[in-house]
N, C-alpha and C. Protein backbone atom coordinates (compact mmCIF):
# COMPACT_ATOMS: atom_id res chain seq x y z
N MET A 1 -8.42 12.62 -16.94
CA MET A 1 -8.36 12.66 -15.54
C MET A 1 -7.18 12.19 -14.87
N ASN A 2 -6.37 13.06 -14.13
CA ASN A 2 -5.63 12.50 -12.86
C ASN A 2 -6.22 12.51 -11.75
N ALA A 3 -5.89 11.49 -10.50
CA ALA A 3 -6.18 11.68 -9.24
C ALA A 3 -5.52 10.80 -8.18
N GLU A 4 -5.65 11.31 -7.05
CA GLU A 4 -4.73 10.67 -5.98
C GLU A 4 -4.95 10.01 -5.02
N PHE A 5 -4.66 8.84 -4.71
CA PHE A 5 -5.23 7.99 -3.23
C PHE A 5 -4.37 8.27 -2.42
N SER A 6 -4.48 8.33 -1.24
CA SER A 6 -3.82 8.19 -0.19
C SER A 6 -4.30 7.11 0.87
N LEU A 7 -3.78 6.36 1.70
CA LEU A 7 -4.21 5.76 2.61
C LEU A 7 -3.04 6.05 3.55
N TYR A 8 -3.21 6.19 5.07
CA TYR A 8 -2.33 6.14 5.98
C TYR A 8 -2.99 5.07 6.64
N LEU A 9 -1.82 4.81 7.64
CA LEU A 9 -2.51 2.89 7.83
C LEU A 9 -0.59 3.08 9.69
N THR A 10 -1.37 1.97 10.72
CA THR A 10 -0.46 1.82 11.22
C THR A 10 0.12 0.45 11.01
N VAL A 11 0.86 -0.27 11.00
CA VAL A 11 1.16 -1.50 11.01
C VAL A 11 1.03 -1.92 12.14
N ASP A 12 0.43 -3.06 12.85
CA ASP A 12 0.50 -3.24 13.96
C ASP A 12 0.90 -4.75 14.16
N ASP A 13 1.04 -5.51 13.46
CA ASP A 13 1.70 -6.43 13.32
C ASP A 13 2.42 -7.24 12.04
N ALA A 14 3.73 -6.26 11.80
CA ALA A 14 4.83 -6.60 10.91
C ALA A 14 4.52 -8.12 10.41
N GLN A 15 4.78 -8.92 11.50
CA GLN A 15 5.19 -10.72 11.10
C GLN A 15 3.82 -11.59 10.21
N THR A 16 2.35 -10.65 10.76
CA THR A 16 1.31 -11.08 9.75
C THR A 16 1.13 -10.51 8.64
N LEU A 17 1.70 -8.94 8.57
CA LEU A 17 1.93 -8.41 7.18
C LEU A 17 2.96 -8.61 6.64
N ALA A 18 3.77 -9.49 7.16
CA ALA A 18 5.16 -10.15 5.68
C ALA A 18 4.68 -11.50 5.27
N ARG A 19 3.70 -12.15 6.25
CA ARG A 19 3.44 -13.58 5.70
C ARG A 19 1.74 -13.39 4.65
N ALA A 20 1.24 -12.64 4.56
CA ALA A 20 0.71 -11.98 3.90
C ALA A 20 0.92 -11.70 2.44
N ALA A 21 2.01 -10.88 2.29
CA ALA A 21 2.74 -10.44 1.93
C ALA A 21 3.41 -11.80 0.76
N ALA A 22 3.69 -12.05 1.72
CA ALA A 22 4.73 -13.59 1.15
C ALA A 22 3.48 -14.73 0.18
N ALA A 23 2.10 -14.81 1.11
CA ALA A 23 1.38 -15.57 0.48
C ALA A 23 1.09 -14.67 -0.86
N ARG A 24 1.02 -13.84 -0.92
CA ARG A 24 0.42 -13.12 -2.27
C ARG A 24 1.40 -12.69 -3.43
N ALA A 25 2.96 -12.68 -2.75
CA ALA A 25 3.83 -12.88 -4.22
C ALA A 25 3.88 -14.49 -4.54
N VAL A 26 3.99 -15.87 -3.86
CA VAL A 26 3.83 -16.73 -4.49
C VAL A 26 1.89 -17.01 -5.52
N ALA A 27 1.19 -16.36 -4.75
CA ALA A 27 -0.30 -16.53 -5.62
C ALA A 27 0.05 -16.07 -7.18
N ASP A 28 0.82 -15.24 -6.94
CA ASP A 28 1.08 -14.03 -8.44
C ASP A 28 1.97 -14.80 -9.00
N GLY A 29 2.64 -15.72 -8.17
CA GLY A 29 4.05 -16.28 -9.31
C GLY A 29 5.20 -15.39 -8.98
N VAL A 30 4.66 -14.68 -8.31
CA VAL A 30 6.46 -13.76 -8.54
C VAL A 30 7.39 -15.06 -7.64
N PHE A 31 7.46 -15.19 -6.63
CA PHE A 31 8.23 -16.13 -5.67
C PHE A 31 7.53 -17.57 -5.76
N ASP A 32 8.49 -18.87 -5.71
CA ASP A 32 7.97 -20.19 -5.73
C ASP A 32 8.01 -20.52 -4.31
N SER A 33 7.93 -19.90 -2.95
CA SER A 33 7.98 -20.15 -1.96
C SER A 33 7.47 -18.88 -1.54
N GLU A 34 6.93 -19.08 -0.21
CA GLU A 34 6.55 -17.83 1.02
C GLU A 34 8.02 -17.89 1.46
N ASP A 35 9.15 -18.67 2.04
CA ASP A 35 10.24 -18.69 2.86
C ASP A 35 11.52 -17.96 1.58
N ASP A 36 11.08 -18.18 0.05
CA ASP A 36 11.89 -17.54 -0.61
C ASP A 36 11.69 -15.93 -0.93
N TYR A 37 10.31 -15.65 -0.71
CA TYR A 37 10.35 -14.49 -0.78
C TYR A 37 10.41 -13.33 0.80
N LEU A 38 10.51 -14.62 2.01
CA LEU A 38 10.83 -13.95 3.28
C LEU A 38 12.69 -13.95 3.49
N GLU A 39 13.01 -14.53 2.41
CA GLU A 39 14.06 -14.37 2.34
C GLU A 39 15.09 -13.26 2.10
N GLU A 40 14.32 -13.02 0.38
CA GLU A 40 14.32 -11.81 0.42
C GLU A 40 14.26 -10.24 0.92
N TYR A 41 13.10 -10.53 1.43
CA TYR A 41 12.23 -9.77 1.69
C TYR A 41 11.86 -10.06 3.22
N PRO A 42 12.88 -9.54 4.46
CA PRO A 42 12.46 -10.15 5.71
C PRO A 42 11.49 -9.07 6.53
N HIS A 43 10.94 -9.96 7.76
CA HIS A 43 9.70 -9.29 8.54
C HIS A 43 9.75 -7.87 8.34
N GLU A 44 11.11 -7.41 8.46
CA GLU A 44 10.67 -6.06 9.24
C GLU A 44 10.68 -5.13 7.91
N ASP A 45 11.31 -5.66 6.84
CA ASP A 45 10.70 -4.78 5.69
C ASP A 45 9.48 -4.07 4.83
N VAL A 46 9.04 -3.54 6.08
CA VAL A 46 7.38 -3.44 6.39
C VAL A 46 7.13 -2.23 4.33
N SER A 47 7.83 -1.98 4.25
CA SER A 47 7.86 -1.32 2.89
C SER A 47 7.30 -1.75 1.83
N SER A 48 8.78 -2.94 1.47
CA SER A 48 7.99 -3.92 0.31
C SER A 48 6.75 -4.60 0.58
N HIS A 49 5.97 -5.32 2.11
CA HIS A 49 4.83 -5.89 1.90
C HIS A 49 4.19 -4.93 1.85
N LEU A 50 3.93 -3.61 2.11
CA LEU A 50 2.68 -3.09 1.68
C LEU A 50 2.65 -2.88 0.58
N ARG A 51 3.83 -3.03 -0.23
CA ARG A 51 3.90 -2.43 -1.54
C ARG A 51 3.04 -4.09 -2.30
N MET A 52 3.63 -4.92 -1.88
CA MET A 52 3.41 -5.89 -2.41
C MET A 52 1.74 -6.70 -2.36
N LEU A 53 1.53 -5.65 -1.23
CA LEU A 53 -0.05 -6.06 -0.63
C LEU A 53 -1.23 -4.51 -1.95
N LEU A 54 -0.81 -3.96 -1.53
CA LEU A 54 -1.50 -2.79 -2.14
C LEU A 54 -1.45 -2.19 -3.47
N ASP A 55 -0.24 -2.30 -4.31
CA ASP A 55 0.20 -2.10 -5.35
C ASP A 55 -0.92 -3.37 -6.52
N PRO A 56 -1.95 -3.14 -6.63
CA PRO A 56 -1.84 -4.00 -8.05
C PRO A 56 -1.62 -4.74 -9.27
N GLY A 57 -0.70 -3.70 -9.64
CA GLY A 57 0.24 -3.89 -10.58
C GLY A 57 -0.59 -3.62 -11.90
N LEU A 58 -2.42 -4.12 -12.40
CA LEU A 58 -2.83 -3.68 -12.83
C LEU A 58 -4.22 -3.03 -12.05
N LEU A 59 -4.72 -2.22 -13.16
CA LEU A 59 -6.03 -1.51 -11.98
C LEU A 59 -7.65 -1.16 -13.12
N ALA A 60 -8.05 -1.61 -13.65
CA ALA A 60 -8.87 -1.56 -14.68
C ALA A 60 -9.42 0.23 -15.29
N GLY A 61 -8.64 0.66 -15.76
CA GLY A 61 -9.36 1.61 -16.51
C GLY A 61 -8.27 2.68 -16.35
N CYS A 62 -7.06 2.36 -15.37
CA CYS A 62 -5.91 2.87 -15.10
C CYS A 62 -5.30 3.13 -15.59
N THR A 63 -3.67 3.92 -15.55
CA THR A 63 -2.59 3.72 -15.40
C THR A 63 -1.72 4.15 -14.27
N ILE A 64 -0.82 2.81 -13.52
CA ILE A 64 -0.58 2.94 -12.57
C ILE A 64 1.00 3.43 -12.68
N HIS A 65 1.26 4.96 -12.35
CA HIS A 65 2.62 5.42 -12.63
C HIS A 65 3.47 4.81 -11.23
N ASP A 66 3.35 4.44 -10.61
CA ASP A 66 4.47 4.11 -9.14
C ASP A 66 3.43 4.49 -8.34
N SER A 67 4.61 3.42 -7.30
CA SER A 67 3.70 3.38 -6.02
C SER A 67 4.73 3.83 -5.20
N VAL A 68 4.27 4.55 -3.91
CA VAL A 68 5.34 4.76 -2.66
C VAL A 68 4.72 4.34 -1.35
N VAL A 69 5.76 4.28 -0.19
CA VAL A 69 5.40 3.52 1.19
C VAL A 69 6.67 4.61 1.54
N GLU A 70 6.34 5.03 2.57
CA GLU A 70 7.03 5.96 3.32
C GLU A 70 6.77 5.19 4.84
N THR A 71 8.14 4.78 5.55
CA THR A 71 7.90 4.77 6.58
C THR A 71 8.69 5.15 7.61
N ASP A 72 8.65 5.66 8.89
CA ASP A 72 9.20 6.16 10.15
C ASP A 72 9.92 5.17 11.01
């Protein structure tokens, strides 16, 4: 069975988003510190922050093939 999930959103505060993504990256062991994450992915890199927060990597009973973030 194939399924497609779409979520459309507006980022109201890119800095808050970046801080949340940095915290997740540290919690997941992807980066040693939030500062390290933000050096690689600055506050303006909204698509990377959204992927960090919304692509779980693993989802029970599913195989995630890819995730895509489009910004304007």
